[in-house]
C-alpha cells in the first residue's frame, strides 16, 4: 500500500514537471520616439515677434 502511494506521488510529480514545454519569449515592439513635424519650418518661431514689432511700429506712429 505504501509503495502504491509513493508511486502515485512520484508519477504526479513527474507529470507536472514535464507538462509544459519551453515557449518562445514574447518580445515587445521597440519604442520609437516621434518627431515633431510642425517644428520643421524655420519661420514658425518668427511670426509672433514680427507681429509684435509691426504692432509697436503702428502704435509709435
PDB file of N, CA and C in Angstrom:
ATOM      1  N   UNK A   1       0.817  -1.182   0.000  1.00  0.00           N
ATOM      2  CA  UNK A   1       0.000   0.000   0.000  1.00  0.00           C
ATOM      3  C   UNK A   1       0.868   1.256   0.000  1.00  0.00           C
ATOM      4  N   UNK A   2       1.930   1.218   0.825  1.00  0.00           N
ATOM      5  CA  UNK A   2       2.821   2.354   0.908  1.00  0.00           C
ATOM      6  C   UNK A   2       3.529   2.584  -0.422  1.00  0.00           C
ATOM      7  N   UNK A   3       3.925   1.522  -1.094  1.00  0.00           N
ATOM      8  CA  UNK A   3       4.600   1.647  -2.389  1.00  0.00           C
ATOM      9  C   UNK A   3       3.658   2.213  -3.459  1.00  0.00           C
ATOM     10  N   UNK A   4       2.394   1.860  -3.377  1.00  0.00           N
ATOM     11  CA  UNK A   4       1.410   2.366  -4.328  1.00  0.00           C
ATOM     12  C   UNK A   4       1.214   3.882  -4.160  1.00  0.00           C
ATOM     13  N   UNK A   5       1.167   4.341  -2.933  1.00  0.00           N
ATOM     14  CA  UNK A   5       1.017   5.776  -2.667  1.00  0.00           C
ATOM     15  C   UNK A   5       2.262   6.520  -3.138  1.00  0.00           C
ATOM     16  N   UNK A   6       3.436   6.013  -2.847  1.00  0.00           N
ATOM     17  CA  UNK A   6       4.680   6.646  -3.291  1.00  0.00           C
ATOM     18  C   UNK A   6       4.783   6.677  -4.811  1.00  0.00           C
ATOM     19  N   UNK A   7       4.374   5.625  -5.465  1.00  0.00           N
ATOM     20  CA  UNK A   7       4.418   5.570  -6.921  1.00  0.00           C
ATOM     21  C   UNK A   7       3.453   6.600  -7.517  1.00  0.00           C
ATOM     22  N   UNK A   8       2.290   6.742  -6.899  1.00  0.00           N
ATOM     23  CA  UNK A   8       1.315   7.730  -7.374  1.00  0.00           C
ATOM     24  C   UNK A   8       1.840   9.147  -7.191  1.00  0.00           C
ATOM     25  N   UNK A   9       2.460   9.409  -6.060  1.00  0.00           N
ATOM     26  CA  UNK A   9       3.009  10.748  -5.796  1.00  0.00           C
ATOM     27  C   UNK A   9       4.132  11.058  -6.783  1.00  0.00           C
ATOM     28  N   UNK A  10       5.026  10.126  -7.004  1.00  0.00           N
ATOM     29  CA  UNK A  10       6.127  10.368  -7.953  1.00  0.00           C
ATOM     30  C   UNK A  10       5.611  10.506  -9.391  1.00  0.00           C
ATOM     31  N   UNK A  11       4.612   9.758  -9.750  1.00  0.00           N
ATOM     32  CA  UNK A  11       4.047   9.857 -11.101  1.00  0.00           C
ATOM     33  C   UNK A  11       3.378  11.225 -11.298  1.00  0.00           C
ATOM     34  N   UNK A  12       2.678  11.690 -10.257  1.00  0.00           N
ATOM     35  CA  UNK A  12       2.025  13.000 -10.357  1.00  0.00           C
ATOM     36  C   UNK A  12       3.069  14.111 -10.421  1.00  0.00           C
ATOM     37  N   UNK A  13       4.146  13.984  -9.659  1.00  0.00           N
ATOM     38  CA  UNK A  13       5.202  14.994  -9.664  1.00  0.00           C
ATOM     39  C   UNK A  13       5.912  15.014 -11.015  1.00  0.00           C
ATOM     40  N   UNK A  14       6.154  13.864 -11.581  1.00  0.00           N
ATOM     41  CA  UNK A  14       6.827  13.801 -12.874  1.00  0.00           C
ATOM     42  C   UNK A  14       5.928  14.337 -13.984  1.00  0.00           C
ATOM     43  N   UNK A  15       4.622  14.094 -13.895  1.00  0.00           N
ATOM     44  CA  UNK A  15       3.705  14.567 -14.924  1.00  0.00           C
ATOM     45  C   UNK A  15       3.609  16.091 -14.891  1.00  0.00           C
ATOM     46  N   UNK A  16       3.608  16.683 -13.699  1.00  0.00           N
ATOM     47  CA  UNK A  16       3.527  18.141 -13.624  1.00  0.00           C
ATOM     48  C   UNK A  16       4.853  18.784 -13.982  1.00  0.00           C
ATOM     49  N   UNK A  17       5.955  18.101 -13.750  1.00  0.00           N
ATOM     50  CA  UNK A  17       7.260  18.678 -14.061  1.00  0.00           C
ATOM     51  C   UNK A  17       7.491  18.753 -15.561  1.00  0.00           C
ATOM     52  N   UNK A  18       6.958  17.803 -16.319  1.00  0.00           N
ATOM     53  CA  UNK A  18       7.181  17.772 -17.756  1.00  0.00           C
ATOM     54  C   UNK A  18       5.944  18.175 -18.561  1.00  0.00           C
ATOM     55  N   UNK A  19       4.933  18.719 -17.892  1.00  0.00           N
ATOM     56  CA  UNK A  19       3.690  19.028 -18.587  1.00  0.00           C
ATOM     57  C   UNK A  19       3.861  20.183 -19.566  1.00  0.00           C
ATOM     58  N   UNK A  20       4.571  21.207 -19.187  1.00  0.00           N
ATOM     59  CA  UNK A  20       4.712  22.374 -20.057  1.00  0.00           C
ATOM     60  C   UNK A  20       6.019  22.328 -20.822  1.00  0.00           C
ATOM     61  N   UNK A  21       6.018  22.888 -21.996  1.00  0.00           N
ATOM     62  CA  UNK A  21       7.235  22.947 -22.784  1.00  0.00           C
ATOM     63  C   UNK A  21       7.785  24.364 -22.799  1.00  0.00           C
ATOM     64  N   UNK A  22       8.954  24.517 -23.322  1.00  0.00           N
ATOM     65  CA  UNK A  22       9.555  25.839 -23.439  1.00  0.00           C
ATOM     66  C   UNK A  22       8.930  26.549 -24.629  1.00  0.00           C
ATOM     67  N   UNK A  23       8.455  27.739 -24.407  1.00  0.00           N
ATOM     68  CA  UNK A  23       7.871  28.519 -25.497  1.00  0.00           C
ATOM     69  C   UNK A  23       8.774  29.704 -25.798  1.00  0.00           C
ATOM     70  N   UNK A  24       8.578  30.283 -26.949  1.00  0.00           N
ATOM     71  CA  UNK A  24       9.362  31.458 -27.334  1.00  0.00           C
ATOM     72  C   UNK A  24       8.985  32.634 -26.448  1.00  0.00           C
ATOM     73  N   UNK A  25       9.966  33.408 -26.015  1.00  0.00           N
ATOM     74  CA  UNK A  25       9.631  34.563 -25.177  1.00  0.00           C
ATOM     75  C   UNK A  25       8.895  35.623 -25.984  1.00  0.00           C
ATOM     76  N   UNK A  26       7.940  36.271 -25.348  1.00  0.00           N
ATOM     77  CA  UNK A  26       7.159  37.308 -26.016  1.00  0.00           C
ATOM     78  C   UNK A  26       7.969  38.601 -26.024  1.00  0.00           C
ATOM     79  N   UNK A  27       8.236  39.124 -27.204  1.00  0.00           N
ATOM     80  CA  UNK A  27       9.021  40.346 -27.327  1.00  0.00           C
ATOM     81  C   UNK A  27       8.076  41.515 -27.594  1.00  0.00           C
ATOM     82  N   UNK A  28       8.296  42.621 -26.896  1.00  0.00           N
ATOM     83  CA  UNK A  28       7.501  43.824 -27.119  1.00  0.00           C
ATOM     84  C   UNK A  28       8.040  44.574 -28.319  1.00  0.00           C
ATOM     85  N   UNK A  29       7.197  45.389 -28.901  1.00  0.00           N
ATOM     86  CA  UNK A  29       7.622  46.203 -30.037  1.00  0.00           C
ATOM     87  C   UNK A  29       8.604  47.275 -29.549  1.00  0.00           C
ATOM     88  N   UNK A  30       9.604  47.607 -30.352  1.00  0.00           N
ATOM     89  CA  UNK A  30      10.571  48.623 -29.927  1.00  0.00           C
ATOM     90  C   UNK A  30       9.905  49.998 -29.830  1.00  0.00           C
ATOM     91  N   UNK A  31      10.383  50.785 -28.894  1.00  0.00           N
ATOM     92  CA  UNK A  31       9.840  52.122 -28.688  1.00  0.00           C
ATOM     93  C   UNK A  31      10.528  53.075 -29.655  1.00  0.00           C
ATOM     94  N   UNK A  32       9.722  53.796 -30.418  1.00  0.00           N
ATOM     95  CA  UNK A  32      10.260  54.746 -31.388  1.00  0.00           C
ATOM     96  C   UNK A  32       9.798  56.136 -30.982  1.00  0.00           C
ATOM     97  N   UNK A  33      10.752  57.037 -30.808  1.00  0.00           N
ATOM     98  CA  UNK A  33      10.402  58.404 -30.432  1.00  0.00           C
ATOM     99  C   UNK A  33       9.827  59.126 -31.643  1.00  0.00           C
ATOM    100  N   UNK A  34       8.720  59.814 -31.419  1.00  0.00           N
ATOM    101  CA  UNK A  34       8.101  60.536 -32.524  1.00  0.00           C
ATOM    102  C   UNK A  34       8.787  61.882 -32.708  1.00  0.00           C
ATOM    103  N   UNK A  35       8.847  62.322 -33.931  1.00  0.00           N
ATOM    104  CA  UNK A  35       9.467  63.606 -34.227  1.00  0.00           C
ATOM    105  C   UNK A  35       8.388  64.662 -34.358  1.00  0.00           C
ATOM    106  N   UNK A  36       8.733  65.882 -34.065  1.00  0.00           N
ATOM    107  CA  UNK A  36       7.780  66.979 -34.187  1.00  0.00           C
ATOM    108  C   UNK A  36       7.854  67.529 -35.605  1.00  0.00           C
ATOM    109  N   UNK A  37       6.854  67.212 -36.399  1.00  0.00           N
ATOM    110  CA  UNK A  37       6.859  67.649 -37.793  1.00  0.00           C
ATOM    111  C   UNK A  37       6.461  69.120 -37.924  1.00  0.00           C
ATOM    112  N   UNK A  38       5.765  69.649 -36.926  1.00  0.00           N
ATOM    113  CA  UNK A  38       5.338  71.042 -37.023  1.00  0.00           C
ATOM    114  C   UNK A  38       6.507  72.010 -36.831  1.00  0.00           C
ATOM    115  N   UNK A  39       7.598  71.579 -36.224  1.00  0.00           N
ATOM    116  CA  UNK A  39       8.734  72.452 -35.988  1.00  0.00           C
ATOM    117  C   UNK A  39       9.778  72.333 -37.099  1.00  0.00           C
ATOM    118  N   UNK A  40       9.399  71.752 -38.219  1.00  0.00           N
ATOM    119  CA  UNK A  40      10.367  71.549 -39.293  1.00  0.00           C
ATOM    120  C   UNK A  40      10.688  72.850 -40.020  1.00  0.00           C
ATOM    121  N   UNK A  41       9.743  73.779 -40.112  1.00  0.00           N
ATOM    122  CA  UNK A  41       9.961  75.032 -40.823  1.00  0.00           C
ATOM    123  C   UNK A  41      10.787  76.000 -39.996  1.00  0.00           C
ATOM    124  N   UNK A  42      11.521  76.891 -40.660  1.00  0.00           N
ATOM    125  CA  UNK A  42      12.353  77.843 -39.931  1.00  0.00           C
ATOM    126  C   UNK A  42      11.600  79.113 -39.583  1.00  0.00           C
ATOM    127  N   UNK A  43      10.437  79.352 -40.199  1.00  0.00           N
ATOM    128  CA  UNK A  43       9.704  80.592 -39.962  1.00  0.00           C
ATOM    129  C   UNK A  43       8.637  80.445 -38.886  1.00  0.00           C
ATOM    130  N   UNK A  44       8.532  79.299 -38.251  1.00  0.00           N
ATOM    131  CA  UNK A  44       7.481  79.097 -37.258  1.00  0.00           C
ATOM    132  C   UNK A  44       7.682  79.967 -36.028  1.00  0.00           C
ATOM    133  N   UNK A  45       8.882  80.143 -35.561  1.00  0.00           N
ATOM    134  CA  UNK A  45       9.150  80.943 -34.387  1.00  0.00           C
ATOM    135  C   UNK A  45       9.348  82.410 -34.710  1.00  0.00           C
ATOM    136  N   UNK A  46       9.232  82.806 -35.951  1.00  0.00           N
ATOM    137  CA  UNK A  46       9.496  84.174 -36.372  1.00  0.00           C
ATOM    138  C   UNK A  46       8.225  84.989 -36.534  1.00  0.00           C
ATOM    139  N   UNK A  47       7.081  84.359 -36.601  1.00  0.00           N
ATOM    140  CA  UNK A  47       5.826  85.048 -36.877  1.00  0.00           C
ATOM    141  C   UNK A  47       5.393  85.947 -35.715  1.00  0.00           C
ATOM    142  N   UNK A  48       5.440  85.469 -34.508  1.00  0.00           N
ATOM    143  CA  UNK A  48       4.996  86.252 -33.359  1.00  0.00           C
ATOM    144  C   UNK A  48       5.872  87.480 -33.120  1.00  0.00           C
ATOM    145  N   UNK A  49       7.193  87.385 -33.125  1.00  0.00           N
ATOM    146  CA  UNK A  49       8.000  88.607 -32.938  1.00  0.00           C
ATOM    147  C   UNK A  49       7.784  89.635 -34.048  1.00  0.00           C
ATOM    148  N   UNK A  50       7.590  89.190 -35.288  1.00  0.00           N
ATOM    149  CA  UNK A  50       7.327  90.138 -36.372  1.00  0.00           C
ATOM    150  C   UNK A  50       5.980  90.832 -36.187  1.00  0.00           C
ATOM    151  N   UNK A  51       4.972  90.105 -35.718  1.00  0.00           N
ATOM    152  CA  UNK A  51       3.666  90.699 -35.472  1.00  0.00           C
ATOM    153  C   UNK A  51       3.750  91.719 -34.341  1.00  0.00           C
ATOM    154  N   UNK A  52       4.491  91.410 -33.288  1.00  0.00           N
ATOM    155  CA  UNK A  52       4.660  92.364 -32.198  1.00  0.00           C
ATOM    156  C   UNK A  52       5.420  93.600 -32.651  1.00  0.00           C
ATOM    157  N   UNK A  53       6.434  93.419 -33.465  1.00  0.00           N
ATOM    158  CA  UNK A  53       7.204  94.556 -33.986  1.00  0.00           C
ATOM    159  C   UNK A  53       6.325  95.452 -34.857  1.00  0.00           C
ATOM    160  N   UNK A  54       5.475  94.859 -35.682  1.00  0.00           N
ATOM    161  CA  UNK A  54       4.559  95.637 -36.518  1.00  0.00           C
ATOM    162  C   UNK A  54       3.542  96.392 -35.660  1.00  0.00           C
ATOM    163  N   UNK A  55       3.068  95.763 -34.588  1.00  0.00           N
ATOM    164  CA  UNK A  55       2.120  96.411 -33.688  1.00  0.00           C
ATOM    165  C   UNK A  55       2.749  97.608 -32.977  1.00  0.00           C
ATOM    166  N   UNK A  56       3.987  97.445 -32.537  1.00  0.00           N
ATOM    167  CA  UNK A  56       4.704  98.556 -31.875  1.00  0.00           C
ATOM    168  C   UNK A  56       4.962  99.682 -32.852  1.00  0.00           C
ATOM    169  N   UNK A  57       5.285  99.350 -34.094  1.00  0.00           N
ATOM    170  CA  UNK A  57       5.532 100.381 -35.102  1.00  0.00           C
ATOM    171  C   UNK A  57       4.240 101.154 -35.417  1.00  0.00           C
ATOM    172  N   UNK A  58       3.094 100.467 -35.422  1.00  0.00           N
ATOM    173  CA  UNK A  58       1.817 101.132 -35.673  1.00  0.00           C
ATOM    174  C   UNK A  58       1.431 102.061 -34.523  1.00  0.00           C
ATOM    175  N   UNK A  59       1.714 101.640 -33.294  1.00  0.00           N
ATOM    176  CA  UNK A  59       1.377 102.451 -32.126  1.00  0.00           C
ATOM    177  C   UNK A  59       2.281 103.672 -32.049  1.00  0.00           C
ATOM    178  N   UNK A  60       3.554 103.521 -32.460  1.00  0.00           N
ATOM    179  CA  UNK A  60       4.509 104.624 -32.371  1.00  0.00           C
ATOM    180  C   UNK A  60       4.173 105.733 -33.371  1.00  0.00           C
ATOM    181  N   UNK A  61       3.536 105.441 -34.491  1.00  0.00           N
ATOM    182  CA  UNK A  61       3.191 106.470 -35.492  1.00  0.00           C
ATOM    183  C   UNK A  61       1.997 107.173 -35.083  1.00  0.00           C
TER     184      UNK A  61
END
